[in-house]
Amino acid sequence: MFDLYDHATSVCSAKVRVLLAEKNIPFTGHFVDILAGDQFTPAYRKINPRAVVPALVHDGNTIIESTVINEYLDDVVADTPLKPDDAHRRATMRVWTKLIDEKLHDACTVVTYVVQHRHKLLELDRAKLEQMLQNTDAFVRDRKRSWVLDGLSSPDLKKAVQAFHQSISEMELALKQSQWLTGDTYTLADVAMTPYINRLAMLSFEDWWREEKPEVTRWFDAIRLRPSFQTAVMDHIPAATQEQMRDRGEAAWPEIKTLLDAL
């Protein structure tokens, strides 16, 4: 029995749902409303003391961190493996998942907050908002306050755009050599990258790569055709949220484009 604690728009949650779908693993989902602060409740902290999603509970054991969860699931459900079958390609796969964890995830968080999430958080009264910020780890608290209150003017946005731009350029180089990120078979690297590129697409930022990155365009078009993309990513996001993200992204694109043009 697999229980997944997640949130609809969380890229890390989507990463795990994609793997579950690719391997046809049945699971029970438990929604954690991270924009309402559910991750900070004592009940959820007992599951994941880090107060983030996702968390996977399997046969009484809890596994956290989406990259670790996906490798765990690929190990325990060994049919249709999504790790490459040779050591060099497995290492290359982990370079991609490491890049996402250490660089791209933070960039995605910044872009998502300044374009989309801040609007919902600003609906809270100031005391509730400050309480949520105080519950956030101290090392990111002031940054998150800027994402919410400063929006597109947050100094973190330029760094986030640069990180995404560099990663997309690295993808283009890799995909010139093979069909997928680590070769000609779909792996955990492609699973992991899917929700991050899709986040930009949902924010109407596809012009970022459509004209100048033909291999990334080809890759993402192929990703969209996989059944897991619809069932594990898009079907979890309410239509109203998808519309909001599109509209808010379209409004933000001129600022994003200005930052891109300056790179």
C-alpha atoms as a PDB file:
ATOM      1  CA  MET A   1       0.000   0.000   0.000  1.00  0.00           C
ATOM      2  CA  PHE A   2       1.342   3.386  -1.029  1.00  0.00           C
ATOM      3  CA  ASP A   3       0.060   6.644   0.469  1.00  0.00           C
ATOM      4  CA  LEU A   4       1.197   9.895  -1.143  1.00  0.00           C
ATOM      5  CA  TYR A   5       0.851  13.216   0.661  1.00  0.00           C
ATOM      6  CA  ASP A   6       1.022  15.916  -1.977  1.00  0.00           C
ATOM      7  CA  HIS A   7      -0.297  19.149  -3.445  1.00  0.00           C
ATOM      8  CA  ALA A   8      -1.763  19.634  -6.918  1.00  0.00           C
ATOM      9  CA  THR A   9       0.596  22.364  -8.134  1.00  0.00           C
ATOM     10  CA  SER A  10       3.730  21.200  -6.320  1.00  0.00           C
ATOM     11  CA  VAL A  11       6.371  20.301  -8.914  1.00  0.00           C
ATOM     12  CA  CYS A  12       7.959  17.818  -6.526  1.00  0.00           C
ATOM     13  CA  SER A  13       4.606  16.133  -5.993  1.00  0.00           C
ATOM     14  CA  ALA A  14       4.017  16.001  -9.741  1.00  0.00           C
ATOM     15  CA  LYS A  15       7.410  14.392 -10.199  1.00  0.00           C
ATOM     16  CA  VAL A  16       6.372  11.493  -7.960  1.00  0.00           C
ATOM     17  CA  ARG A  17       2.912  11.207  -9.490  1.00  0.00           C
ATOM     18  CA  VAL A  18       4.481  10.934 -12.961  1.00  0.00           C
ATOM     19  CA  LEU A  19       6.626   8.020 -11.821  1.00  0.00           C
ATOM     20  CA  LEU A  20       3.657   6.311 -10.165  1.00  0.00           C
ATOM     21  CA  ALA A  21       1.728   6.651 -13.415  1.00  0.00           C
ATOM     22  CA  GLU A  22       4.611   5.481 -15.604  1.00  0.00           C
ATOM     23  CA  LYS A  23       4.961   2.325 -13.502  1.00  0.00           C
ATOM     24  CA  ASN A  24       1.203   1.846 -13.013  1.00  0.00           C
ATOM     25  CA  ILE A  25       1.539   1.857  -9.226  1.00  0.00           C
ATOM     26  CA  PRO A  26      -1.787   2.272  -7.405  1.00  0.00           C
ATOM     27  CA  PHE A  27      -1.703   4.699  -4.486  1.00  0.00           C
ATOM     28  CA  THR A  28      -3.925   6.635  -2.139  1.00  0.00           C
ATOM     29  CA  GLY A  29      -3.514  10.387  -2.384  1.00  0.00           C
ATOM     30  CA  HIS A  30      -3.782  12.791   0.563  1.00  0.00           C
ATOM     31  CA  PHE A  31      -4.045  16.475  -0.339  1.00  0.00           C
ATOM     32  CA  VAL A  32      -1.909  18.847   1.725  1.00  0.00           C
ATOM     33  CA  ASP A  33      -2.870  22.479   1.079  1.00  0.00           C
ATOM     34  CA  ILE A  34       0.524  24.117   1.280  1.00  0.00           C
ATOM     35  CA  LEU A  35      -0.932  27.542   0.459  1.00  0.00           C
ATOM     36  CA  ALA A  36      -3.190  27.299   3.502  1.00  0.00           C
ATOM     37  CA  GLY A  37      -0.360  26.119   5.755  1.00  0.00           C
ATOM     38  CA  ASP A  38      -1.468  22.498   6.176  1.00  0.00           C
ATOM     39  CA  GLN A  39       2.155  21.355   5.972  1.00  0.00           C
ATOM     40  CA  PHE A  40       2.876  23.066   9.292  1.00  0.00           C
ATOM     41  CA  THR A  41       0.209  21.228  11.279  1.00  0.00           C
ATOM     42  CA  PRO A  42       1.391  18.842  14.001  1.00  0.00           C
ATOM     43  CA  ALA A  43      -0.336  15.955  12.222  1.00  0.00           C
ATOM     44  CA  TYR A  44       1.589  16.475   8.996  1.00  0.00           C
ATOM     45  CA  ARG A  45       4.872  17.224  10.762  1.00  0.00           C
ATOM     46  CA  LYS A  46       4.638  13.740  12.272  1.00  0.00           C
ATOM     47  CA  ILE A  47       4.730  12.424   8.706  1.00  0.00           C
ATOM     48  CA  ASN A  48       7.332  14.852   7.394  1.00  0.00           C
ATOM     49  CA  PRO A  49       9.120  16.972  10.014  1.00  0.00           C
ATOM     50  CA  ARG A  50      10.510  19.162   7.208  1.00  0.00           C
ATOM     51  CA  ALA A  51       6.959  20.379   6.509  1.00  0.00           C
ATOM     52  CA  VAL A  52       7.152  20.015   2.751  1.00  0.00           C
ATOM     53  CA  VAL A  53       5.465  17.815   0.169  1.00  0.00           C
ATOM     54  CA  PRO A  54       5.524  15.159  -1.045  1.00  0.00           C
ATOM     55  CA  ALA A  55       5.867  12.377   1.472  1.00  0.00           C
ATOM     56  CA  LEU A  56       5.364   8.706   0.676  1.00  0.00           C
ATOM     57  CA  VAL A  57       4.264   6.117   3.236  1.00  0.00           C
ATOM     58  CA  HIS A  58       4.811   2.506   2.198  1.00  0.00           C
ATOM     59  CA  ASP A  59       4.091  -0.408   4.512  1.00  0.00           C
ATOM     60  CA  GLY A  60       4.453   1.834   7.541  1.00  0.00           C
ATOM     61  CA  ASN A  61       7.719   3.436   6.409  1.00  0.00           C
ATOM     62  CA  THR A  62       7.914   7.097   5.412  1.00  0.00           C
ATOM     63  CA  ILE A  63      10.138   8.264   2.562  1.00  0.00           C
ATOM     64  CA  ILE A  64      10.674  11.974   1.921  1.00  0.00           C
ATOM     65  CA  GLU A  65      12.391  14.053  -0.780  1.00  0.00           C
ATOM     66  CA  SER A  66      10.944  13.525  -4.243  1.00  0.00           C
ATOM     67  CA  THR A  67      14.184  12.391  -5.899  1.00  0.00           C
ATOM     68  CA  VAL A  68      14.727   9.819  -3.159  1.00  0.00           C
ATOM     69  CA  ILE A  69      11.086   8.741  -3.358  1.00  0.00           C
ATOM     70  CA  ASN A  70      11.368   8.140  -7.106  1.00  0.00           C
ATOM     71  CA  GLU A  71      14.534   6.069  -6.795  1.00  0.00           C
ATOM     72  CA  TYR A  72      12.916   4.127  -3.953  1.00  0.00           C
ATOM     73  CA  LEU A  73       9.821   3.398  -6.027  1.00  0.00           C
ATOM     74  CA  ASP A  74      11.937   2.355  -8.989  1.00  0.00           C
ATOM     75  CA  ASP A  75      13.734  -0.087  -6.696  1.00  0.00           C
ATOM     76  CA  VAL A  76      10.713  -1.601  -4.958  1.00  0.00           C
ATOM     77  CA  VAL A  77       8.605  -1.880  -8.137  1.00  0.00           C
ATOM     78  CA  ALA A  78      11.336  -3.284 -10.310  1.00  0.00           C
ATOM     79  CA  ASP A  79       9.388  -4.015 -13.479  1.00  0.00           C
ATOM     80  CA  THR A  80       9.545  -1.301 -16.154  1.00  0.00           C
ATOM     81  CA  PRO A  81      12.723   0.187 -14.637  1.00  0.00           C
ATOM     82  CA  LEU A  82      13.298   3.895 -15.158  1.00  0.00           C
ATOM     83  CA  LYS A  83      16.976   3.918 -14.235  1.00  0.00           C
ATOM     84  CA  PRO A  84      19.429   3.348 -17.106  1.00  0.00           C
ATOM     85  CA  ASP A  85      20.919  -0.115 -17.402  1.00  0.00           C
ATOM     86  CA  ASP A  86      24.577   0.953 -17.347  1.00  0.00           C
ATOM     87  CA  ALA A  87      26.608   2.804 -14.737  1.00  0.00           C
ATOM     88  CA  HIS A  88      27.631   5.759 -16.906  1.00  0.00           C
ATOM     89  CA  ARG A  89      24.081   6.586 -17.937  1.00  0.00           C
ATOM     90  CA  ARG A  90      22.866   6.152 -14.357  1.00  0.00           C
ATOM     91  CA  ALA A  91      25.485   8.687 -13.317  1.00  0.00           C
ATOM     92  CA  THR A  92      24.351  11.043 -16.077  1.00  0.00           C
ATOM     93  CA  MET A  93      20.742  10.613 -14.930  1.00  0.00           C
ATOM     94  CA  ARG A  94      21.748  11.599 -11.400  1.00  0.00           C
ATOM     95  CA  VAL A  95      23.581  14.674 -12.672  1.00  0.00           C
ATOM     96  CA  TRP A  96      20.232  15.847 -14.035  1.00  0.00           C
ATOM     97  CA  THR A  97      18.285  15.044 -10.878  1.00  0.00           C
ATOM     98  CA  LYS A  98      21.013  16.714  -8.808  1.00  0.00           C
ATOM     99  CA  LEU A  99      20.829  19.842 -10.980  1.00  0.00           C
ATOM    100  CA  ILE A 100      17.076  19.979 -10.417  1.00  0.00           C
ATOM    101  CA  ASP A 101      17.369  19.546  -6.660  1.00  0.00           C
ATOM    102  CA  GLU A 102      20.231  21.963  -6.161  1.00  0.00           C
ATOM    103  CA  LYS A 103      19.479  24.663  -8.737  1.00  0.00           C
ATOM    104  CA  LEU A 104      16.310  24.403 -10.768  1.00  0.00           C
ATOM    105  CA  HIS A 105      13.895  23.715  -7.929  1.00  0.00           C
ATOM    106  CA  ASP A 106      14.748  26.962  -6.170  1.00  0.00           C
ATOM    107  CA  ALA A 107      14.415  28.855  -9.447  1.00  0.00           C
ATOM    108  CA  CYS A 108      11.024  27.279 -10.083  1.00  0.00           C
ATOM    109  CA  THR A 109       9.865  28.175  -6.575  1.00  0.00           C
ATOM    110  CA  VAL A 110      10.809  31.809  -7.091  1.00  0.00           C
ATOM    111  CA  VAL A 111       9.122  32.070 -10.492  1.00  0.00           C
ATOM    112  CA  THR A 112       5.978  30.328  -9.240  1.00  0.00           C
ATOM    113  CA  TYR A 113       5.648  32.543  -6.190  1.00  0.00           C
ATOM    114  CA  VAL A 114       6.266  35.875  -7.862  1.00  0.00           C
ATOM    115  CA  VAL A 115       3.941  35.104 -10.787  1.00  0.00           C
ATOM    116  CA  GLN A 116       1.225  32.917  -9.231  1.00  0.00           C
ATOM    117  CA  HIS A 117       1.241  31.928  -5.553  1.00  0.00           C
ATOM    118  CA  ARG A 118       1.718  35.409  -4.141  1.00  0.00           C
ATOM    119  CA  HIS A 119      -1.786  36.381  -5.249  1.00  0.00           C
ATOM    120  CA  LYS A 120      -3.432  33.739  -3.067  1.00  0.00           C
ATOM    121  CA  LEU A 121      -1.181  34.469  -0.119  1.00  0.00           C
ATOM    122  CA  LEU A 122      -1.936  38.190  -0.345  1.00  0.00           C
ATOM    123  CA  GLU A 123      -5.603  37.322   0.217  1.00  0.00           C
ATOM    124  CA  LEU A 124      -4.675  36.313   3.780  1.00  0.00           C
ATOM    125  CA  ASP A 125      -4.797  38.915   6.497  1.00  0.00           C
ATOM    126  CA  ARG A 126      -1.343  40.186   7.357  1.00  0.00           C
ATOM    127  CA  ALA A 127      -1.201  38.325  10.696  1.00  0.00           C
ATOM    128  CA  LYS A 128      -1.964  34.978   9.030  1.00  0.00           C
ATOM    129  CA  LEU A 129       0.570  35.673   6.289  1.00  0.00           C
ATOM    130  CA  GLU A 130       3.223  36.551   8.842  1.00  0.00           C
ATOM    131  CA  GLN A 131       2.421  33.392  10.799  1.00  0.00           C
ATOM    132  CA  MET A 132       2.991  31.303   7.680  1.00  0.00           C
ATOM    133  CA  LEU A 133       6.255  33.097   7.013  1.00  0.00           C
ATOM    134  CA  GLN A 134       7.399  32.514  10.576  1.00  0.00           C
ATOM    135  CA  ASN A 135       6.697  28.802  10.145  1.00  0.00           C
ATOM    136  CA  THR A 136       9.003  28.781   7.126  1.00  0.00           C
ATOM    137  CA  ASP A 137      12.632  27.799   7.688  1.00  0.00           C
ATOM    138  CA  ALA A 138      14.670  30.823   8.702  1.00  0.00           C
ATOM    139  CA  PHE A 139      17.115  30.518   5.801  1.00  0.00           C
ATOM    140  CA  VAL A 140      14.331  31.157   3.258  1.00  0.00           C
ATOM    141  CA  ARG A 141      11.885  33.249   5.297  1.00  0.00           C
ATOM    142  CA  ASP A 142      13.035  36.702   4.169  1.00  0.00           C
ATOM    143  CA  ARG A 143      13.321  35.531   0.573  1.00  0.00           C
ATOM    144  CA  LYS A 144       9.775  34.213   0.597  1.00  0.00           C
ATOM    145  CA  ARG A 145       8.543  37.471   2.120  1.00  0.00           C
ATOM    146  CA  SER A 146      10.095  39.278  -0.850  1.00  0.00           C
ATOM    147  CA  TRP A 147       8.525  36.883  -3.371  1.00  0.00           C
ATOM    148  CA  VAL A 148       5.106  37.553  -1.896  1.00  0.00           C
ATOM    149  CA  LEU A 149       5.339  41.268  -1.193  1.00  0.00           C
ATOM    150  CA  ASP A 150       7.673  42.413  -3.993  1.00  0.00           C
ATOM    151  CA  GLY A 151       6.500  40.063  -6.717  1.00  0.00           C
ATOM    152  CA  LEU A 152       8.250  40.642 -10.035  1.00  0.00           C
ATOM    153  CA  SER A 153      10.455  43.219  -8.342  1.00  0.00           C
ATOM    154  CA  SER A 154      11.988  40.598  -6.044  1.00  0.00           C
ATOM    155  CA  PRO A 155      15.772  40.500  -6.549  1.00  0.00           C
ATOM    156  CA  ASP A 156      15.623  36.707  -6.634  1.00  0.00           C
ATOM    157  CA  LEU A 157      13.733  36.700  -9.936  1.00  0.00           C
ATOM    158  CA  LYS A 158      16.744  37.610 -12.074  1.00  0.00           C
ATOM    159  CA  LYS A 159      18.762  34.747 -10.585  1.00  0.00           C
ATOM    160  CA  ALA A 160      15.866  32.354 -11.110  1.00  0.00           C
ATOM    161  CA  VAL A 161      15.502  33.298 -14.773  1.00  0.00           C
ATOM    162  CA  GLN A 162      19.231  32.833 -15.270  1.00  0.00           C
ATOM    163  CA  ALA A 163      19.149  29.389 -13.636  1.00  0.00           C
ATOM    164  CA  PHE A 164      16.258  28.257 -15.828  1.00  0.00           C
ATOM    165  CA  HIS A 165      17.938  29.665 -18.928  1.00  0.00           C
ATOM    166  CA  GLN A 166      21.194  27.835 -18.239  1.00  0.00           C
ATOM    167  CA  SER A 167      19.386  24.571 -17.532  1.00  0.00           C
ATOM    168  CA  ILE A 168      17.295  24.785 -20.702  1.00  0.00           C
ATOM    169  CA  SER A 169      20.470  25.451 -22.699  1.00  0.00           C
ATOM    170  CA  GLU A 170      22.077  22.363 -21.145  1.00  0.00           C
ATOM    171  CA  MET A 171      18.988  20.361 -22.067  1.00  0.00           C
ATOM    172  CA  GLU A 172      19.254  21.507 -25.671  1.00  0.00           C
ATOM    173  CA  LEU A 173      22.856  20.309 -25.896  1.00  0.00           C
ATOM    174  CA  ALA A 174      22.032  16.928 -24.363  1.00  0.00           C
ATOM    175  CA  LEU A 175      18.969  16.397 -26.531  1.00  0.00           C
ATOM    176  CA  LYS A 176      20.956  17.025 -29.685  1.00  0.00           C
ATOM    177  CA  GLN A 177      22.760  13.784 -28.860  1.00  0.00           C
ATOM    178  CA  SER A 178      19.804  11.554 -27.931  1.00  0.00           C
ATOM    179  CA  GLN A 179      16.043  11.251 -27.819  1.00  0.00           C
ATOM    180  CA  TRP A 180      15.817  11.663 -24.046  1.00  0.00           C
ATOM    181  CA  LEU A 181      18.012  13.401 -21.489  1.00  0.00           C
ATOM    182  CA  THR A 182      20.297  10.448 -20.781  1.00  0.00           C
ATOM    183  CA  GLY A 183      20.035   8.468 -24.001  1.00  0.00           C
ATOM    184  CA  ASP A 184      17.393   6.882 -26.173  1.00  0.00           C
ATOM    185  CA  THR A 185      15.261   5.568 -23.326  1.00  0.00           C
ATOM    186  CA  TYR A 186      13.016   7.556 -21.002  1.00  0.00           C
ATOM    187  CA  THR A 187      14.416   7.647 -17.457  1.00  0.00           C
ATOM    188  CA  LEU A 188      14.045   9.255 -14.048  1.00  0.00           C
ATOM    189  CA  ALA A 189      15.831  12.306 -15.450  1.00  0.00           C
ATOM    190  CA  ASP A 190      12.964  12.930 -17.866  1.00  0.00           C
ATOM    191  CA  VAL A 191      10.427  12.218 -15.117  1.00  0.00           C
ATOM    192  CA  ALA A 192      12.104  14.776 -12.877  1.00  0.00           C
ATOM    193  CA  MET A 193      12.403  17.501 -15.498  1.00  0.00           C
ATOM    194  CA  THR A 194       8.809  17.220 -16.713  1.00  0.00           C
ATOM    195  CA  PRO A 195       7.027  19.349 -14.082  1.00  0.00           C
ATOM    196  CA  TYR A 196       9.686  22.072 -14.201  1.00  0.00           C
ATOM    197  CA  ILE A 197       9.435  22.687 -17.922  1.00  0.00           C
ATOM    198  CA  ASN A 198       5.683  22.294 -17.683  1.00  0.00           C
ATOM    199  CA  ARG A 199       5.568  24.983 -14.991  1.00  0.00           C
ATOM    200  CA  LEU A 200       6.969  27.472 -17.494  1.00  0.00           C
ATOM    201  CA  ALA A 201       4.524  26.249 -20.130  1.00  0.00           C
ATOM    202  CA  MET A 202       1.571  26.652 -17.774  1.00  0.00           C
ATOM    203  CA  LEU A 203       2.688  30.224 -17.127  1.00  0.00           C
ATOM    204  CA  SER A 204       2.617  30.915 -20.885  1.00  0.00           C
ATOM    205  CA  PHE A 205       6.409  31.051 -21.078  1.00  0.00           C
ATOM    206  CA  GLU A 206       6.893  28.576 -23.955  1.00  0.00           C
ATOM    207  CA  ASP A 207       8.432  31.297 -26.116  1.00  0.00           C
ATOM    208  CA  TRP A 208      11.422  30.771 -23.821  1.00  0.00           C
ATOM    209  CA  TRP A 209      12.408  27.788 -25.992  1.00  0.00           C
ATOM    210  CA  ARG A 210       9.972  27.366 -28.888  1.00  0.00           C
ATOM    211  CA  GLU A 211      11.991  29.285 -31.492  1.00  0.00           C
ATOM    212  CA  GLU A 212      15.571  28.885 -30.328  1.00  0.00           C
ATOM    213  CA  LYS A 213      15.606  25.450 -28.660  1.00  0.00           C
ATOM    214  CA  PRO A 214      14.175  22.956 -31.187  1.00  0.00           C
ATOM    215  CA  GLU A 215      15.367  19.876 -29.279  1.00  0.00           C
ATOM    216  CA  VAL A 216      13.767  21.024 -26.032  1.00  0.00           C
ATOM    217  CA  THR A 217      10.618  21.713 -28.046  1.00  0.00           C
ATOM    218  CA  ARG A 218      10.728  18.179 -29.478  1.00  0.00           C
ATOM    219  CA  TRP A 219      11.322  16.686 -26.020  1.00  0.00           C
ATOM    220  CA  PHE A 220       8.467  18.566 -24.385  1.00  0.00           C
ATOM    221  CA  ASP A 221       6.096  17.718 -27.220  1.00  0.00           C
ATOM    222  CA  ALA A 222       6.956  14.043 -26.663  1.00  0.00           C
ATOM    223  CA  ILE A 223       6.459  14.438 -22.901  1.00  0.00           C
ATOM    224  CA  ARG A 224       2.984  15.839 -23.483  1.00  0.00           C
ATOM    225  CA  LEU A 225       2.054  12.777 -25.524  1.00  0.00           C
ATOM    226  CA  ARG A 226       2.832  10.362 -22.695  1.00  0.00           C
ATOM    227  CA  PRO A 227      -0.328   9.246 -20.848  1.00  0.00           C
ATOM    228  CA  SER A 228       1.340  10.039 -17.522  1.00  0.00           C
ATOM    229  CA  PHE A 229       1.512  13.737 -18.375  1.00  0.00           C
ATOM    230  CA  GLN A 230      -2.243  14.161 -18.458  1.00  0.00           C
ATOM    231  CA  THR A 231      -3.141  11.797 -15.632  1.00  0.00           C
ATOM    232  CA  ALA A 232      -0.343  12.675 -13.212  1.00  0.00           C
ATOM    233  CA  VAL A 233       0.165  16.371 -13.925  1.00  0.00           C
ATOM    234  CA  MET A 234      -2.645  18.177 -15.695  1.00  0.00           C
ATOM    235  CA  ASP A 235      -5.619  16.268 -14.298  1.00  0.00           C
ATOM    236  CA  HIS A 236      -4.588  17.266 -10.770  1.00  0.00           C
ATOM    237  CA  ILE A 237      -4.676  21.001 -11.450  1.00  0.00           C
ATOM    238  CA  PRO A 238      -8.154  22.589 -11.412  1.00  0.00           C
ATOM    239  CA  ALA A 239      -9.198  24.330 -14.620  1.00  0.00           C
ATOM    240  CA  ALA A 240      -9.560  27.635 -12.779  1.00  0.00           C
ATOM    241  CA  THR A 241      -5.988  27.380 -11.505  1.00  0.00           C
ATOM    242  CA  GLN A 242      -4.715  26.559 -14.977  1.00  0.00           C
ATOM    243  CA  GLU A 243      -6.498  29.636 -16.315  1.00  0.00           C
ATOM    244  CA  GLN A 244      -5.095  31.820 -13.540  1.00  0.00           C
ATOM    245  CA  MET A 245      -1.570  30.609 -14.198  1.00  0.00           C
ATOM    246  CA  ARG A 246      -1.918  31.250 -17.916  1.00  0.00           C
ATOM    247  CA  ASP A 247      -3.295  34.753 -17.459  1.00  0.00           C
ATOM    248  CA  ARG A 248      -0.862  35.789 -14.753  1.00  0.00           C
ATOM    249  CA  GLY A 249       2.020  34.360 -16.752  1.00  0.00           C
ATOM    250  CA  GLU A 250       0.981  36.289 -19.852  1.00  0.00           C
ATOM    251  CA  ALA A 251       0.956  39.481 -17.789  1.00  0.00           C
ATOM    252  CA  ALA A 252       4.399  38.702 -16.356  1.00  0.00           C
ATOM    253  CA  TRP A 253       6.039  37.580 -19.615  1.00  0.00           C
ATOM    254  CA  PRO A 254       7.261  41.056 -20.714  1.00  0.00           C
ATOM    255  CA  GLU A 255       9.268  41.333 -17.484  1.00  0.00           C
ATOM    256  CA  ILE A 256      10.593  37.795 -17.821  1.00  0.00           C
ATOM    257  CA  LYS A 257      11.502  38.453 -21.463  1.00  0.00           C
ATOM    258  CA  THR A 258      13.383  41.601 -20.473  1.00  0.00           C
ATOM    259  CA  LEU A 259      15.438  39.591 -17.983  1.00  0.00           C
ATOM    260  CA  LEU A 260      16.107  36.897 -20.611  1.00  0.00           C
ATOM    261  CA  ASP A 261      17.191  39.411 -23.222  1.00  0.00           C
ATOM    262  CA  ALA A 262      19.722  40.824 -20.758  1.00  0.00           C
ATOM    263  CA  LEU A 263      21.497  37.462 -20.315  1.00  0.00           C
END
